[in-house]
């Protein structure tokens, strides 16, 4: 078996025309016609690196750990496939793999290629960047060098990407096609093509803009903060227009991969899976971004497309089974005939392709924050009594946050804790999750907002405008959540911290 696994970042399901979205994405339409399109696919752990840990390990990580490296005890689909003789190759411009909190992911692949230049990637050096020129060209709301000094690095990087082919997405696609040219005649390989776009900043060539999307005439405005909408209608339209342009760029370069599949008939003997880590709020619910606000559908309900050569007759169909990010891991092992480790709690998508998927409940969350619970029809938001309260702990053998090690104040609380069911007999450090710790979303001096229980009927109210109460539904979703927490061996004290202690009996 040969597999191509395509992973975008921040690809909003609601933007794609094949999901009824408002952006014309003809190549995603082509993909949908060739694959099974999943209609109820949800995130697990959030955001970027926690989602990738779920992807690698096939289990939820947010009950135990915030953003951080792979652990010594973690299963990794890339590592398992490699040990079984399947060559794994990663092409990525996702620079978070190369920060403190992304250690151990890319090194599980046999070979990997890092395309530089996205977002804050510390790529090009400019000791004295032209700040006055940047102030003249870029809107302060996105790029004020005084209030947002880290974004200057992106502007320096952008100066070195004048032509379209210099941008990371085209370079990622070129590297992927080079891999296919070199290896398409071979067997037993997995190519993971991972593109940071359409993550912010929403930078795309002008050819992907459309007349009428925006009448804005100010400086470049393409990087919204994760905050409530305070912009004028013209500014909102401009940010959305830039996101739409970047999605069209992703669509165009996806077309190059589909052209390659067509030209070499890879559909006959190569699996293709495409998804994202999470979506992005583009002023819906009066919010930009992710993480700080409730887990609205625009963030947690994500696209998924699956082609398996043995199920080619299902091309162009849709699947209503409830699935989650972590399900990718056992699916990739299934595709290549590898046993699924006991620690995996996710479900292979092969059962859904065979029509054998049963009812389930899925949980999504950020460490130290609320939990979203869904059965595909209803979505429930459960909030802890105090998201900054004491009694929550991180469990890790790799104490790294996104961009730095754990601080001294955190490490001074560390004690060794007994193994969990999934740590392969290894004890772990138990470290107090201090409210000032540099973890998402606290790392920018923020925290979760709009807190409070909510339940939505997604069929009657897909826009999540009118929360309801239904005791029967709530009981069923809470029962499912407790089953999930027990299956993941959630820390004993976390039930009390989440306000779930009375549901443990």
Protein backbone atom coordinates (compact mmCIF):
# COMPACT_ATOMS: atom_id res chain seq x y z
CA UNK A 1 0.00 0.00 0.00
CA UNK A 2 1.06 3.58 -0.68
CA UNK A 3 -0.58 6.48 1.14
CA UNK A 4 -0.66 10.24 0.70
CA UNK A 5 -1.87 12.05 3.80
CA UNK A 6 -2.55 15.77 3.23
CA UNK A 7 -2.91 18.02 6.27
CA UNK A 8 -3.84 21.68 6.03
CA UNK A 9 -3.93 24.04 9.02
CA UNK A 10 -6.97 26.17 9.95
CA UNK A 11 -8.99 25.03 6.94
CA UNK A 12 -12.54 26.09 7.69
CA UNK A 13 -15.00 23.41 6.58
CA UNK A 14 -17.62 26.11 6.13
CA UNK A 15 -15.46 27.80 3.49
CA UNK A 16 -15.38 24.88 1.03
CA UNK A 17 -17.94 24.74 -1.74
CA UNK A 18 -18.27 20.95 -1.47
CA UNK A 19 -19.46 21.48 2.11
CA UNK A 20 -21.84 24.23 1.05
CA UNK A 21 -19.35 27.02 1.73
CA UNK A 22 -19.22 30.43 0.13
CA UNK A 23 -15.74 30.19 -1.47
CA UNK A 24 -15.51 28.57 -4.90
CA UNK A 25 -13.07 25.67 -4.42
CA UNK A 26 -13.26 23.57 -7.61
CA UNK A 27 -10.38 21.28 -6.71
CA UNK A 28 -11.87 20.39 -3.35
CA UNK A 29 -14.99 19.61 -5.39
CA UNK A 30 -12.84 17.34 -7.59
CA UNK A 31 -11.47 15.69 -4.47
CA UNK A 32 -14.97 15.12 -3.10
CA UNK A 33 -15.96 13.42 -6.36
CA UNK A 34 -13.05 10.99 -5.97
CA UNK A 35 -13.37 10.26 -2.26
CA UNK A 36 -15.73 9.58 0.60
CA UNK A 37 -16.57 12.96 2.13
CA UNK A 38 -17.12 12.81 5.89
CA UNK A 39 -19.88 15.06 7.20
CA UNK A 40 -19.40 14.70 10.98
CA UNK A 41 -15.64 14.87 11.55
CA UNK A 42 -14.52 16.71 14.69
CA UNK A 43 -11.34 17.82 16.37
CA UNK A 44 -10.02 16.22 19.55
CA UNK A 45 -7.26 18.06 21.39
CA UNK A 46 -6.61 21.67 20.39
CA UNK A 47 -4.88 23.60 18.92
CA UNK A 48 -1.98 22.82 16.53
CA UNK A 49 0.50 20.55 18.34
CA UNK A 50 -2.05 18.89 20.65
CA UNK A 51 -4.02 18.02 17.52
CA UNK A 52 -0.89 16.52 16.00
CA UNK A 53 -0.24 14.49 19.10
CA UNK A 54 -3.76 13.05 18.77
CA UNK A 55 -2.98 12.35 15.11
CA UNK A 56 0.23 10.53 15.95
CA UNK A 57 -0.99 8.56 18.96
CA UNK A 58 -4.66 7.83 18.31
CA UNK A 59 -5.80 9.12 21.68
CA UNK A 60 -6.87 12.38 23.30
CA UNK A 61 -4.01 14.19 25.01
CA UNK A 62 -5.80 17.23 26.46
CA UNK A 63 -6.89 15.55 29.75
CA UNK A 64 -3.21 15.22 30.75
CA UNK A 65 -1.12 17.73 28.87
CA UNK A 66 -1.08 21.10 27.15
CA UNK A 67 0.89 21.91 23.99
CA UNK A 68 4.10 19.90 24.11
CA UNK A 69 6.46 17.39 22.49
CA UNK A 70 5.79 13.75 21.82
CA UNK A 71 6.54 11.76 24.96
CA UNK A 72 8.90 8.79 25.31
CA UNK A 73 5.90 6.52 25.88
CA UNK A 74 3.81 7.84 22.99
CA UNK A 75 2.93 5.63 20.08
CA UNK A 76 3.52 7.32 16.71
CA UNK A 77 1.96 6.14 13.48
CA UNK A 78 5.06 7.35 11.64
CA UNK A 79 7.36 5.43 13.95
CA UNK A 80 5.25 2.25 13.90
CA UNK A 81 4.99 2.26 10.11
CA UNK A 82 8.74 2.79 9.83
CA UNK A 83 9.44 -0.14 12.16
CA UNK A 84 7.22 -2.32 9.95
CA UNK A 85 9.17 -1.43 6.81
CA UNK A 86 6.90 1.32 5.48
CA UNK A 87 8.98 4.33 4.46
CA UNK A 88 7.50 7.50 5.98
CA UNK A 89 8.30 10.91 4.53
CA UNK A 90 7.14 14.30 5.85
CA UNK A 91 6.99 17.48 3.78
CA UNK A 92 5.97 20.40 5.97
CA UNK A 93 6.21 24.14 6.45
CA UNK A 94 4.65 23.85 9.91
CA UNK A 95 7.42 25.54 11.88
CA UNK A 96 5.95 24.63 15.28
CA UNK A 97 7.56 21.19 14.86
CA UNK A 98 10.91 22.95 15.21
CA UNK A 99 10.18 24.89 18.39
CA UNK A 100 10.64 23.67 21.97
CA UNK A 101 7.08 22.35 22.19
CA UNK A 102 7.19 20.45 18.91
CA UNK A 103 10.12 18.12 19.59
CA UNK A 104 9.99 14.48 18.61
CA UNK A 105 7.36 14.65 15.88
CA UNK A 106 9.27 15.07 12.62
CA UNK A 107 12.08 12.76 13.78
CA UNK A 108 9.68 9.80 13.85
CA UNK A 109 9.62 9.87 10.03
CA UNK A 110 12.31 8.11 7.99
CA UNK A 111 12.92 11.28 6.00
CA UNK A 112 11.56 14.79 6.22
CA UNK A 113 11.76 18.13 4.46
CA UNK A 114 11.14 21.47 6.18
CA UNK A 115 10.02 24.37 3.99
CA UNK A 116 10.87 27.64 5.73
CA UNK A 117 9.15 30.99 6.08
CA UNK A 118 5.69 30.67 7.62
CA UNK A 119 4.37 33.03 10.29
CA UNK A 120 6.97 33.53 13.08
CA UNK A 121 9.49 31.08 11.60
CA UNK A 122 12.94 32.40 12.56
CA UNK A 123 14.16 32.06 9.01
CA UNK A 124 15.65 35.19 7.45
CA UNK A 125 17.84 37.52 9.50
CA UNK A 126 17.45 41.29 9.41
CA UNK A 127 19.37 43.06 12.17
CA UNK A 128 17.81 46.43 11.27
CA UNK A 129 14.49 45.69 9.54
CA UNK A 130 12.89 48.59 7.63
CA UNK A 131 10.25 49.35 10.24
CA UNK A 132 9.17 52.66 8.73
CA UNK A 133 8.56 50.98 5.39
CA UNK A 134 6.58 48.27 7.14
CA UNK A 135 4.49 50.87 8.96
CA UNK A 136 3.68 52.55 5.66
CA UNK A 137 2.66 49.33 3.91
CA UNK A 138 1.01 47.23 6.63
CA UNK A 139 -1.98 48.05 8.82
CA UNK A 140 -1.09 48.62 12.47
CA UNK A 141 -3.96 46.38 13.54
CA UNK A 142 -2.09 43.43 12.04
CA UNK A 143 1.55 44.47 12.18
CA UNK A 144 2.30 47.30 14.60
CA UNK A 145 6.03 46.70 15.29
CA UNK A 146 5.74 48.22 18.75
CA UNK A 147 2.74 46.21 19.96
CA UNK A 148 3.41 43.07 17.91
CA UNK A 149 7.21 42.84 17.65
CA UNK A 150 7.26 39.11 16.88
CA UNK A 151 5.32 39.75 13.67
CA UNK A 152 8.23 41.71 12.29
CA UNK A 153 9.91 38.35 11.67
CA UNK A 154 7.08 37.44 9.33
CA UNK A 155 7.48 40.67 7.40
CA UNK A 156 11.20 39.97 7.02
CA UNK A 157 10.35 36.48 5.77
CA UNK A 158 7.74 37.89 3.40
CA UNK A 159 10.34 40.20 1.85
CA UNK A 160 12.07 37.03 0.63
CA UNK A 161 8.92 35.63 -0.98
CA UNK A 162 8.25 38.08 -3.79
CA UNK A 163 7.22 35.50 -6.40
CA UNK A 164 4.36 33.03 -5.93
CA UNK A 165 6.69 30.04 -6.29
CA UNK A 166 8.72 31.39 -3.37
CA UNK A 167 5.82 31.01 -0.95
CA UNK A 168 5.70 27.94 1.30
CA UNK A 169 2.59 26.23 -0.11
CA UNK A 170 3.92 26.06 -3.70
CA UNK A 171 7.29 24.89 -2.36
CA UNK A 172 5.61 22.20 -0.25
CA UNK A 173 3.64 20.95 -3.25
CA UNK A 174 6.77 20.93 -5.42
CA UNK A 175 8.58 18.85 -2.79
CA UNK A 176 5.67 16.41 -2.57
CA UNK A 177 5.54 15.94 -6.34
CA UNK A 178 9.30 15.42 -6.35
CA UNK A 179 8.82 12.61 -3.81
CA UNK A 180 6.14 11.05 -5.99
CA UNK A 181 8.32 11.30 -9.11
CA UNK A 182 11.09 9.50 -7.27
CA UNK A 183 8.99 6.88 -5.49
CA UNK A 184 5.64 6.29 -7.18
CA UNK A 185 6.84 2.99 -8.66
CA UNK A 186 7.86 1.70 -5.24
CA UNK A 187 5.56 0.17 -2.65
CA UNK A 188 5.10 0.50 1.10
CA UNK A 189 5.45 4.22 1.72
CA UNK A 190 3.54 7.06 3.32
CA UNK A 191 3.89 10.68 2.24
CA UNK A 192 2.56 13.28 4.69
CA UNK A 193 2.15 16.58 2.87
CA UNK A 194 1.47 19.16 5.55
CA UNK A 195 0.84 22.80 4.70
CA UNK A 196 0.49 25.59 7.25
CA UNK A 197 -1.88 27.52 4.99
CA UNK A 198 -4.59 28.75 5.28
CA UNK A 199 -3.42 29.59 8.81
CA UNK A 200 -2.97 33.28 9.48
CA UNK A 201 -1.41 35.52 8.25
CA UNK A 202 -3.69 35.28 5.23
CA UNK A 203 -1.08 36.08 2.61
CA UNK A 204 -1.85 35.00 -0.96
CA UNK A 205 -0.96 36.32 -4.43
CA UNK A 206 -3.32 38.89 -5.90
CA UNK A 207 -4.57 36.46 -8.53
CA UNK A 208 -6.56 34.67 -5.84
CA UNK A 209 -8.49 37.78 -4.84
CA UNK A 210 -11.95 38.37 -6.34
CA UNK A 211 -13.56 41.66 -7.31
CA UNK A 212 -16.26 42.65 -4.89
CA UNK A 213 -14.87 40.74 -1.91
CA UNK A 214 -13.70 43.94 -0.24
CA UNK A 215 -13.69 47.71 -0.77
CA UNK A 216 -11.01 48.31 1.87
CA UNK A 217 -8.19 50.67 0.83
CA UNK A 218 -5.85 50.76 3.84
CA UNK A 219 -2.62 48.96 4.65
CA UNK A 220 -2.26 45.18 4.48
CA UNK A 221 -4.77 43.71 6.95
CA UNK A 222 -4.51 39.93 7.00
CA UNK A 223 -3.64 38.81 10.54
CA UNK A 224 -6.48 39.11 13.07
CA UNK A 225 -5.80 38.67 16.77
CA UNK A 226 -7.75 36.02 18.66
CA UNK A 227 -10.20 38.50 20.08
CA UNK A 228 -13.70 39.88 19.78
CA UNK A 229 -14.55 41.67 16.56
CA UNK A 230 -13.94 45.40 16.91
CA UNK A 231 -13.20 46.18 13.26
CA UNK A 232 -15.36 48.20 10.89
CA UNK A 233 -17.47 46.29 8.35
CA UNK A 234 -14.92 47.21 5.66
CA UNK A 235 -12.06 45.81 7.73
CA UNK A 236 -13.99 42.63 8.50
CA UNK A 237 -14.64 42.16 4.78
CA UNK A 238 -10.95 42.68 4.01
CA UNK A 239 -9.77 40.07 6.49
CA UNK A 240 -12.34 37.60 5.20
CA UNK A 241 -11.34 38.38 1.61
CA UNK A 242 -7.72 37.62 2.42
CA UNK A 243 -8.68 34.31 4.04
CA UNK A 244 -10.78 33.46 0.99
CA UNK A 245 -7.84 34.24 -1.30
CA UNK A 246 -5.58 31.95 0.72
CA UNK A 247 -8.16 29.15 0.61
CA UNK A 248 -8.32 29.56 -3.19
CA UNK A 249 -4.54 29.28 -3.28
CA UNK A 250 -4.72 26.05 -1.26
CA UNK A 251 -7.39 24.81 -3.64
CA UNK A 252 -5.25 25.63 -6.69
CA UNK A 253 -2.23 23.75 -5.38
CA UNK A 254 -4.37 20.82 -4.29
CA UNK A 255 -5.29 20.70 -7.97
CA UNK A 256 -1.63 19.97 -8.82
CA UNK A 257 -1.74 16.88 -6.61
CA UNK A 258 -5.04 15.72 -8.11
CA UNK A 259 -3.62 16.24 -11.59
CA UNK A 260 -0.69 14.02 -10.63
CA UNK A 261 -3.03 11.32 -9.30
CA UNK A 262 -4.97 11.49 -12.59
CA UNK A 263 -1.91 11.49 -14.85
CA UNK A 264 -0.31 8.48 -13.16
CA UNK A 265 -3.53 6.67 -12.11
CA UNK A 266 -2.49 6.65 -8.48
CA UNK A 267 -6.16 6.24 -7.61
CA UNK A 268 -5.78 2.55 -8.50
CA UNK A 269 -3.21 1.70 -5.83
CA UNK A 270 -2.65 4.69 -3.54
CA UNK A 271 -4.77 5.81 -0.60
CA UNK A 272 -5.41 9.54 -0.15
CA UNK A 273 -6.60 11.18 3.06
CA UNK A 274 -7.07 14.94 3.46
CA UNK A 275 -8.09 16.87 6.56
CA UNK A 276 -7.07 19.75 8.84
CA UNK A 277 -6.27 20.25 12.53
CA UNK A 278 -9.05 22.77 13.27
CA UNK A 279 -11.02 25.60 11.72
CA UNK A 280 -11.04 29.33 12.37
CA UNK A 281 -13.65 31.91 13.31
CA UNK A 282 -13.82 34.71 10.73
CA UNK A 283 -16.07 37.11 12.67
CA UNK A 284 -18.81 34.53 13.23
CA UNK A 285 -20.16 34.80 16.78
CA UNK A 286 -18.32 38.15 16.88
CA UNK A 287 -14.94 36.42 17.31
CA UNK A 288 -11.71 35.96 15.38
CA UNK A 289 -9.58 32.85 15.64
CA UNK A 290 -9.76 29.95 18.07
CA UNK A 291 -8.91 28.79 21.61
CA UNK A 292 -10.35 31.62 23.74
CA UNK A 293 -14.02 31.34 22.86
CA UNK A 294 -16.46 28.40 23.01
CA UNK A 295 -15.85 25.51 20.63
CA UNK A 296 -18.14 26.67 17.88
CA UNK A 297 -18.66 24.53 14.79
CA UNK A 298 -16.46 26.82 12.68
CA UNK A 299 -13.50 25.71 14.82
CA UNK A 300 -14.16 22.09 15.78
CA UNK A 301 -16.24 20.66 12.90
CA UNK A 302 -13.64 20.02 10.22
CA UNK A 303 -13.39 18.54 6.70
CA UNK A 304 -12.25 14.99 5.99
CA UNK A 305 -11.90 13.17 2.65
CA UNK A 306 -10.81 9.54 2.28
CA UNK A 307 -9.95 7.52 -0.82
CA UNK A 308 -9.09 3.84 -0.52
CA UNK A 309 -8.42 1.88 -3.73
CA UNK A 310 -10.45 -1.06 -2.40
CA UNK A 311 -13.45 1.22 -1.91
CA UNK A 312 -13.20 3.12 -5.18
CA UNK A 313 -16.87 2.44 -5.88
CA UNK A 314 -17.71 4.81 -3.01
CA UNK A 315 -16.16 7.79 -4.78
CA UNK A 316 -18.44 10.80 -4.56
CA UNK A 317 -20.41 9.51 -1.58
CA UNK A 318 -20.79 11.03 1.86
CA UNK A 319 -20.37 9.40 5.26
CA UNK A 320 -22.40 10.45 8.28
CA UNK A 321 -20.40 8.47 10.85
CA UNK A 322 -19.08 10.56 13.74
CA UNK A 323 -15.28 10.64 13.53
CA UNK A 324 -12.42 12.51 15.16
CA UNK A 325 -8.85 13.68 14.58
CA UNK A 326 -7.30 10.76 16.43
CA UNK A 327 -9.02 8.29 14.11
CA UNK A 328 -6.43 9.05 11.44
CA UNK A 329 -3.73 7.15 13.37
CA UNK A 330 -5.34 3.68 13.50
CA UNK A 331 -6.57 4.20 9.94
CA UNK A 332 -3.03 4.68 8.64
CA UNK A 333 -1.92 1.58 10.53
CA UNK A 334 -4.90 -0.35 9.13
CA UNK A 335 -4.06 0.72 5.59
CA UNK A 336 -0.57 -0.76 5.91
CA UNK A 337 -1.49 -3.90 7.83
CA UNK A 338 0.05 -2.86 11.14
CA UNK A 339 -1.44 -3.93 14.48
CA UNK A 340 -3.06 -1.15 16.46
CA UNK A 341 -1.44 -0.67 19.90
CA UNK A 342 -3.50 -1.27 23.02
CA UNK A 343 -3.08 2.36 24.09
CA UNK A 344 -5.04 3.63 21.08
CA UNK A 345 -8.58 4.70 21.95
CA UNK A 346 -9.52 6.13 18.54
CA UNK A 347 -11.39 4.24 15.81
CA UNK A 348 -10.10 3.30 12.38
CA UNK A 349 -12.01 4.97 9.56
CA UNK A 350 -12.03 1.66 7.72
CA UNK A 351 -15.05 0.62 9.77
CA UNK A 352 -16.90 3.71 8.54
CA UNK A 353 -15.95 2.90 4.93
CA UNK A 354 -17.40 -0.57 5.43
CA UNK A 355 -20.57 0.88 6.94
CA UNK A 356 -19.80 -0.69 10.32
CA UNK A 357 -19.30 2.43 12.47
CA UNK A 358 -21.55 2.49 15.53
CA UNK A 359 -22.91 5.32 17.59
CA UNK A 360 -20.38 7.25 19.65
CA UNK A 361 -19.78 10.48 21.51
CA UNK A 362 -16.73 12.65 20.80
CA UNK A 363 -14.96 15.10 23.11
CA UNK A 364 -12.86 18.06 22.07
CA UNK A 365 -10.87 20.38 24.29
CA UNK A 366 -7.88 22.45 25.27
CA UNK A 367 -5.92 21.52 28.38
CA UNK A 368 -7.08 23.66 31.26
CA UNK A 369 -10.22 24.78 29.47
CA UNK A 370 -13.74 23.69 28.63
CA UNK A 371 -14.74 20.43 26.99
CA UNK A 372 -17.01 20.18 23.98
CA UNK A 373 -19.08 17.01 23.71
CA UNK A 374 -21.00 15.96 20.62
CA UNK A 375 -22.86 13.00 19.18
CA UNK A 376 -23.00 14.69 15.78
CA UNK A 377 -26.52 16.02 16.37
CA UNK A 378 -25.99 17.99 19.58
CA UNK A 379 -22.99 19.94 20.84
CA UNK A 380 -22.57 20.62 24.55
CA UNK A 381 -20.06 23.01 26.13
CA UNK A 382 -18.98 22.03 29.64
CA UNK A 383 -16.91 24.59 31.58
CA UNK A 384 -14.88 23.97 34.74
CA UNK A 385 -15.96 26.02 37.77
CA UNK A 386 -12.74 28.08 37.53
CA UNK A 387 -10.41 27.76 34.54
CA UNK A 388 -7.66 29.49 36.54
CA UNK A 389 -8.27 27.53 39.74
CA UNK A 390 -5.84 25.27 41.59
CA UNK A 391 -5.89 21.50 41.37
CA UNK A 392 -4.97 20.91 37.73
CA UNK A 393 -1.67 19.24 36.81
CA UNK A 394 0.37 18.58 33.69
CA UNK A 395 1.77 15.05 33.30
CA UNK A 396 4.89 14.84 31.18
CA UNK A 397 8.46 13.67 30.78
CA UNK A 398 9.17 16.53 28.36
CA UNK A 399 8.37 19.77 30.23
CA UNK A 400 8.33 22.19 27.31
CA UNK A 401 5.78 24.82 26.37
CA UNK A 402 5.37 26.12 22.82
CA UNK A 403 8.46 28.30 22.71
CA UNK A 404 10.29 27.65 25.99
CA UNK A 405 10.85 25.13 28.77
CA UNK A 406 8.57 25.12 31.80
CA UNK A 407 9.45 27.98 34.12
CA UNK A 408 11.22 27.54 37.45
CA UNK A 409 8.01 28.18 39.38
CA UNK A 410 6.35 25.30 37.54
CA UNK A 411 9.23 22.88 37.89
CA UNK A 412 9.49 23.56 41.61
CA UNK A 413 6.08 21.89 42.00
CA UNK A 414 7.16 18.73 40.14
CA UNK A 415 6.86 15.31 41.74
CA UNK A 416 6.97 11.86 40.18
CA UNK A 417 3.58 10.25 39.66
CA UNK A 418 2.79 6.57 39.02
CA UNK A 419 2.33 5.42 35.42
CA UNK A 420 -0.93 5.89 33.58
CA UNK A 421 -2.46 3.11 31.52
CA UNK A 422 -0.90 4.53 28.34
CA UNK A 423 2.63 5.38 29.58
CA UNK A 424 3.99 1.83 29.15
CA UNK A 425 4.96 1.52 32.78
CA UNK A 426 6.84 4.83 32.87
CA UNK A 427 6.24 7.15 35.81
CA UNK A 428 5.73 10.77 34.81
CA UNK A 429 6.30 14.19 36.28
CA UNK A 430 3.23 15.76 37.87
CA UNK A 431 3.57 19.54 37.57
CA UNK A 432 1.08 22.13 38.81
CA UNK A 433 -0.71 23.87 35.95
CA UNK A 434 -0.12 27.38 37.20
CA UNK A 435 -2.50 30.03 35.83
CA UNK A 436 0.43 32.18 34.68
CA UNK A 437 2.07 29.32 32.76
CA UNK A 438 2.88 29.97 29.10
CA UNK A 439 0.24 27.65 27.70
CA UNK A 440 -2.58 28.26 25.22
CA UNK A 441 -4.46 30.56 25.55
CA UNK A 442 -2.86 31.99 28.73
CA UNK A 443 0.52 32.51 27.05
CA UNK A 444 -0.54 35.89 25.67
CA UNK A 445 -1.97 37.14 28.96
CA UNK A 446 -5.45 35.97 28.03
CA UNK A 447 -7.79 33.20 29.05
CA UNK A 448 -11.08 31.60 28.03
CA UNK A 449 -14.06 33.92 27.61
CA UNK A 450 -17.82 33.63 27.12
CA UNK A 451 -17.74 30.83 29.67
CA UNK A 452 -20.83 28.92 30.64
CA UNK A 453 -22.72 25.72 29.93
CA UNK A 454 -24.48 25.58 26.55
CA UNK A 455 -26.25 22.93 24.50
CA UNK A 456 -27.09 23.29 20.81
CA UNK A 457 -29.22 21.25 18.45
CA UNK A 458 -27.02 21.40 15.34
CA UNK A 459 -29.77 20.22 13.01
CA UNK A 460 -32.29 22.83 14.08
CA UNK A 461 -29.70 25.52 14.81
CA UNK A 462 -26.52 24.95 12.74
CA UNK A 463 -25.34 28.50 13.42
CA UNK A 464 -25.48 27.91 17.20
CA UNK A 465 -27.55 31.00 17.85
CA UNK A 466 -30.10 29.61 20.34
CA UNK A 467 -28.91 27.32 23.14
CA UNK A 468 -31.43 24.86 24.55
CA UNK A 469 -31.85 22.67 27.62
CA UNK A 470 -32.75 19.00 27.33
CA UNK A 471 -32.15 16.80 30.37
CA UNK A 472 -32.15 13.57 28.40
CA UNK A 473 -29.61 14.78 25.86
CA UNK A 474 -27.41 16.30 28.55
CA UNK A 475 -27.41 13.07 30.57
CA UNK A 476 -26.47 11.06 27.50
CA UNK A 477 -23.64 13.41 26.53
CA UNK A 478 -22.27 13.55 30.06
CA UNK A 479 -22.36 9.75 30.22
CA UNK A 480 -20.40 9.64 26.98
CA UNK A 481 -17.91 12.20 28.29
CA UNK A 482 -17.30 10.22 31.47
CA UNK A 483 -16.73 7.07 29.39
CA UNK A 484 -14.16 8.99 27.31
CA UNK A 485 -12.33 10.32 30.36
CA UNK A 486 -12.18 6.85 31.88
CA UNK A 487 -10.94 5.37 28.58
CA UNK A 488 -8.16 7.96 28.43
CA UNK A 489 -7.27 7.31 32.12
CA UNK A 490 -7.83 10.97 32.98
CA UNK A 491 -6.09 12.03 36.21
CA UNK A 492 -8.20 11.35 39.30
CA UNK A 493 -8.05 14.96 40.49
CA UNK A 494 -9.17 16.33 37.12
CA UNK A 495 -12.76 15.19 37.68
CA UNK A 496 -13.05 17.58 40.59
CA UNK A 497 -11.26 20.37 38.75
CA UNK A 498 -13.67 20.00 35.82
CA UNK A 499 -16.65 19.97 38.19
CA UNK A 500 -17.45 16.37 37.29
CA UNK A 501 -16.76 14.67 40.63
CA UNK A 502 -20.45 14.02 41.26
CA UNK A 503 -20.65 12.10 37.97
CA UNK A 504 -17.89 9.57 38.77
CA UNK A 505 -20.19 7.10 40.55
